[in-house]
PDB file of N, CA and C in Angstrom:
ATOM      1  N   UNK A   1       0.902  -1.144   0.043  1.00  0.00           N
ATOM      2  CA  UNK A   1      -0.114   0.176  -0.075  1.00  0.00           C
ATOM      3  C   UNK A   1       0.771   1.256   0.182  1.00  0.00           C
ATOM      4  N   UNK A   2       0.484   2.264  -0.667  1.00  0.00           N
ATOM      5  CA  UNK A   2       1.335   3.471  -0.770  1.00  0.00           C
ATOM      6  C   UNK A   2       0.991   4.349   0.266  1.00  0.00           C
ATOM      7  N   UNK A   3       2.114   5.138   0.765  1.00  0.00           N
ATOM      8  CA  UNK A   3       1.766   6.003   2.056  1.00  0.00           C
ATOM      9  C   UNK A   3       0.912   6.979   1.422  1.00  0.00           C
ATOM     10  N   UNK A   4       0.208   7.487   2.356  1.00  0.00           N
ATOM     11  CA  UNK A   4      -0.812   8.852   1.940  1.00  0.00           C
ATOM     12  C   UNK A   4      -0.010  10.031   2.334  1.00  0.00           C
ATOM     13  N   UNK A   5      -0.542  11.224   1.757  1.00  0.00           N
ATOM     14  CA  UNK A   5       0.285  12.494   2.101  1.00  0.00           C
ATOM     15  C   UNK A   5       0.137  12.689   3.640  1.00  0.00           C
ATOM     16  N   UNK A   6      -0.847  12.529   4.305  1.00  0.00           N
ATOM     17  CA  UNK A   6      -1.079  12.865   5.604  1.00  0.00           C
ATOM     18  C   UNK A   6       0.204  11.827   6.574  1.00  0.00           C
ATOM     19  N   UNK A   7       0.477  10.714   6.240  1.00  0.00           N
ATOM     20  CA  UNK A   7       1.540   9.955   6.892  1.00  0.00           C
ATOM     21  C   UNK A   7       2.797  10.506   6.494  1.00  0.00           C
ATOM     22  N   UNK A   8       2.936  10.803   5.289  1.00  0.00           N
ATOM     23  CA  UNK A   8       4.315  11.574   4.752  1.00  0.00           C
ATOM     24  C   UNK A   8       4.422  13.020   5.297  1.00  0.00           C
ATOM     25  N   UNK A   9       3.392  13.751   5.284  1.00  0.00           N
ATOM     26  CA  UNK A   9       3.289  14.972   6.129  1.00  0.00           C
ATOM     27  C   UNK A   9       3.667  14.788   7.520  1.00  0.00           C
ATOM     28  N   UNK A  10       3.262  13.793   8.210  1.00  0.00           N
ATOM     29  CA  UNK A  10       3.450  13.711   9.623  1.00  0.00           C
ATOM     30  C   UNK A  10       4.718  13.213  10.007  1.00  0.00           C
ATOM     31  N   UNK A  11       5.482  12.319   9.020  1.00  0.00           N
ATOM     32  CA  UNK A  11       6.806  11.951   9.187  1.00  0.00           C
ATOM     33  C   UNK A  11       7.639  13.056   8.923  1.00  0.00           C
ATOM     34  N   UNK A  12       7.522  13.869   7.992  1.00  0.00           N
ATOM     35  CA  UNK A  12       8.228  14.993   7.693  1.00  0.00           C
ATOM     36  C   UNK A  12       8.218  16.377   8.978  1.00  0.00           C
ATOM     37  N   UNK A  13       6.910  16.137   9.541  1.00  0.00           N
ATOM     38  CA  UNK A  13       6.920  17.204  10.566  1.00  0.00           C
ATOM     39  C   UNK A  13       7.770  16.866  11.629  1.00  0.00           C
ATOM     40  N   UNK A  14       7.505  15.455  11.931  1.00  0.00           N
ATOM     41  CA  UNK A  14       8.433  14.739  13.031  1.00  0.00           C
ATOM     42  C   UNK A  14       9.875  15.112  12.650  1.00  0.00           C
ATOM     43  N   UNK A  15      10.359  14.756  11.618  1.00  0.00           N
ATOM     44  CA  UNK A  15      11.749  15.050  11.432  1.00  0.00           C
ATOM     45  C   UNK A  15      12.317  16.520  11.458  1.00  0.00           C
ATOM     46  N   UNK A  16      11.374  17.363  10.980  1.00  0.00           N
ATOM     47  CA  UNK A  16      11.569  18.859  10.977  1.00  0.00           C
ATOM     48  C   UNK A  16      11.835  19.223  12.652  1.00  0.00           C
ATOM     49  N   UNK A  17      10.870  18.726  13.545  1.00  0.00           N
ATOM     50  CA  UNK A  17      10.779  18.980  14.909  1.00  0.00           C
ATOM     51  C   UNK A  17      12.199  18.565  15.501  1.00  0.00           C
ATOM     52  N   UNK A  18      12.644  17.177  15.195  1.00  0.00           N
ATOM     53  CA  UNK A  18      13.897  16.658  15.749  1.00  0.00           C
ATOM     54  C   UNK A  18      15.069  17.696  15.226  1.00  0.00           C
ATOM     55  N   UNK A  19      15.081  17.935  13.960  1.00  0.00           N
ATOM     56  CA  UNK A  19      16.104  18.638  13.482  1.00  0.00           C
ATOM     57  C   UNK A  19      16.315  20.073  13.919  1.00  0.00           C
ATOM     58  N   UNK A  20      14.899  20.687  14.263  1.00  0.00           N
ATOM     59  CA  UNK A  20      15.058  22.176  14.706  1.00  0.00           C
ATOM     60  C   UNK A  20      15.365  22.060  16.231  1.00  0.00           C
ATOM     61  N   UNK A  21      14.951  21.208  16.857  1.00  0.00           N
ATOM     62  CA  UNK A  21      15.268  20.910  18.316  1.00  0.00           C
ATOM     63  C   UNK A  21      16.815  20.821  18.287  1.00  0.00           C
ATOM     64  N   UNK A  22      17.389  19.841  17.663  1.00  0.00           N
ATOM     65  CA  UNK A  22      18.811  19.667  17.643  1.00  0.00           C
ATOM     66  C   UNK A  22      19.684  21.001  17.272  1.00  0.00           C
ATOM     67  N   UNK A  23      19.290  21.685  16.433  1.00  0.00           N
ATOM     68  CA  UNK A  23      19.614  22.960  15.971  1.00  0.00           C
ATOM     69  C   UNK A  23      19.754  23.828  17.098  1.00  0.00           C
ATOM     70  N   UNK A  24      18.391  24.200  17.739  1.00  0.00           N
ATOM     71  CA  UNK A  24      18.583  25.330  18.857  1.00  0.00           C
ATOM     72  C   UNK A  24      19.435  24.822  19.787  1.00  0.00           C
ATOM     73  N   UNK A  25      19.561  23.380  20.408  1.00  0.00           N
ATOM     74  CA  UNK A  25      20.433  23.010  21.526  1.00  0.00           C
ATOM     75  C   UNK A  25      21.833  23.133  21.080  1.00  0.00           C
ATOM     76  N   UNK A  26      22.218  23.034  19.738  1.00  0.00           N
ATOM     77  CA  UNK A  26      23.632  23.240  19.248  1.00  0.00           C
ATOM     78  C   UNK A  26      23.798  24.685  19.410  1.00  0.00           C
ATOM     79  N   UNK A  27      23.032  25.703  18.926  1.00  0.00           N
ATOM     80  CA  UNK A  27      23.242  27.097  19.106  1.00  0.00           C
ATOM     81  C   UNK A  27      23.403  27.508  20.627  1.00  0.00           C
ATOM     82  N   UNK A  28      22.677  27.036  21.326  1.00  0.00           N
ATOM     83  CA  UNK A  28      22.564  27.196  22.692  1.00  0.00           C
ATOM     84  C   UNK A  28      23.939  26.822  23.294  1.00  0.00           C
ATOM     85  N   UNK A  29      24.463  25.527  22.984  1.00  0.00           N
ATOM     86  CA  UNK A  29      25.809  25.074  23.361  1.00  0.00           C
ATOM     87  C   UNK A  29      26.987  25.751  22.951  1.00  0.00           C
ATOM     88  N   UNK A  30      26.964  26.302  21.795  1.00  0.00           N
ATOM     89  CA  UNK A  30      27.878  27.015  21.160  1.00  0.00           C
ATOM     90  C   UNK A  30      27.833  28.423  21.866  1.00  0.00           C
ATOM     91  N   UNK A  31      26.855  28.901  21.802  1.00  0.00           N
ATOM     92  CA  UNK A  31      26.628  30.405  22.233  1.00  0.00           C
ATOM     93  C   UNK A  31      26.785  30.650  23.785  1.00  0.00           C
ATOM     94  N   UNK A  32      26.830  29.651  24.470  1.00  0.00           N
ATOM     95  CA  UNK A  32      26.885  29.715  25.946  1.00  0.00           C
ATOM     96  C   UNK A  32      27.898  30.725  26.558  1.00  0.00           C
ATOM     97  N   UNK A  33      29.104  30.796  25.816  1.00  0.00           N
ATOM     98  CA  UNK A  33      30.332  31.767  26.316  1.00  0.00           C
ATOM     99  C   UNK A  33      29.667  33.154  26.380  1.00  0.00           C
ATOM    100  N   UNK A  34      28.765  33.625  25.369  1.00  0.00           N
ATOM    101  CA  UNK A  34      28.355  34.836  25.241  1.00  0.00           C
ATOM    102  C   UNK A  34      26.873  34.941  26.163  1.00  0.00           C
ATOM    103  N   UNK A  35      25.999  33.922  25.975  1.00  0.00           N
ATOM    104  CA  UNK A  35      24.754  34.131  26.543  1.00  0.00           C
ATOM    105  C   UNK A  35      24.680  34.156  28.003  1.00  0.00           C
ATOM    106  N   UNK A  36      25.643  33.318  28.820  1.00  0.00           N
ATOM    107  CA  UNK A  36      25.625  33.258  30.291  1.00  0.00           C
ATOM    108  C   UNK A  36      25.895  34.733  30.710  1.00  0.00           C
ATOM    109  N   UNK A  37      27.189  35.493  30.224  1.00  0.00           N
ATOM    110  CA  UNK A  37      27.394  36.579  31.027  1.00  0.00           C
ATOM    111  C   UNK A  37      26.519  37.790  30.535  1.00  0.00           C
ATOM    112  N   UNK A  38      25.941  37.557  29.339  1.00  0.00           N
ATOM    113  CA  UNK A  38      24.873  38.531  28.699  1.00  0.00           C
ATOM    114  C   UNK A  38      23.610  38.499  29.825  1.00  0.00           C
ATOM    115  N   UNK A  39      23.137  37.214  30.127  1.00  0.00           N
ATOM    116  CA  UNK A  39      22.110  36.947  30.983  1.00  0.00           C
ATOM    117  C   UNK A  39      22.253  37.683  32.495  1.00  0.00           C
ATOM    118  N   UNK A  40      23.537  37.436  32.973  1.00  0.00           N
ATOM    119  CA  UNK A  40      24.004  37.873  34.281  1.00  0.00           C
ATOM    120  C   UNK A  40      23.957  39.235  34.279  1.00  0.00           C
ATOM    121  N   UNK A  41      24.405  39.971  33.164  1.00  0.00           N
ATOM    122  CA  UNK A  41      24.591  41.377  32.969  1.00  0.00           C
ATOM    123  C   UNK A  41      23.065  42.065  33.098  1.00  0.00           C
ATOM    124  N   UNK A  42      22.186  41.343  32.576  1.00  0.00           N
ATOM    125  CA  UNK A  42      20.855  41.696  32.273  1.00  0.00           C
ATOM    126  C   UNK A  42      20.008  41.805  33.937  1.00  0.00           C
ATOM    127  N   UNK A  43      20.489  40.549  34.329  1.00  0.00           N
ATOM    128  CA  UNK A  43      19.861  40.466  35.767  1.00  0.00           C
ATOM    129  C   UNK A  43      20.584  41.450  36.774  1.00  0.00           C
ATOM    130  N   UNK A  44      21.928  41.641  36.498  1.00  0.00           N
ATOM    131  CA  UNK A  44      22.271  42.740  37.604  1.00  0.00           C
ATOM    132  C   UNK A  44      21.770  44.221  37.328  1.00  0.00           C
ATOM    133  N   UNK A  45      21.456  44.428  36.009  1.00  0.00           N
ATOM    134  CA  UNK A  45      21.129  45.810  35.673  1.00  0.00           C
ATOM    135  C   UNK A  45      19.721  45.670  36.324  1.00  0.00           C
ATOM    136  N   UNK A  46      18.600  44.895  36.348  1.00  0.00           N
ATOM    137  CA  UNK A  46      17.532  45.020  37.063  1.00  0.00           C
ATOM    138  C   UNK A  46      17.607  45.063  38.473  1.00  0.00           C
ATOM    139  N   UNK A  47      18.497  44.253  39.057  1.00  0.00           N
ATOM    140  CA  UNK A  47      18.782  44.320  40.381  1.00  0.00           C
ATOM    141  C   UNK A  47      19.470  45.488  40.885  1.00  0.00           C
ATOM    142  N   UNK A  48      20.123  45.981  40.191  1.00  0.00           N
ATOM    143  CA  UNK A  48      20.669  47.554  40.772  1.00  0.00           C
ATOM    144  C   UNK A  48      20.154  48.871  40.273  1.00  0.00           C
ATOM    145  N   UNK A  49      18.810  48.787  39.419  1.00  0.00           N
ATOM    146  CA  UNK A  49      18.230  49.937  38.768  1.00  0.00           C
ATOM    147  C   UNK A  49      17.468  50.313  40.257  1.00  0.00           C
ATOM    148  N   UNK A  50      17.510  51.767  40.393  1.00  0.00           N
ATOM    149  CA  UNK A  50      16.588  52.270  41.340  1.00  0.00           C
ATOM    150  C   UNK A  50      15.101  52.033  41.432  1.00  0.00           C
TER     151      UNK A  50
END
């Protein structure tokens, strides 16, 4: 039996979700050297503001 469009679309959506999740995790892992100090600076700014 030939797969229908719905089955193919669901499989494609699942693959896209996995790839997008892996991409976001990779970007966060690589950018942690910049993102952590930036997040700390923002928190300190709000903490020290009058």
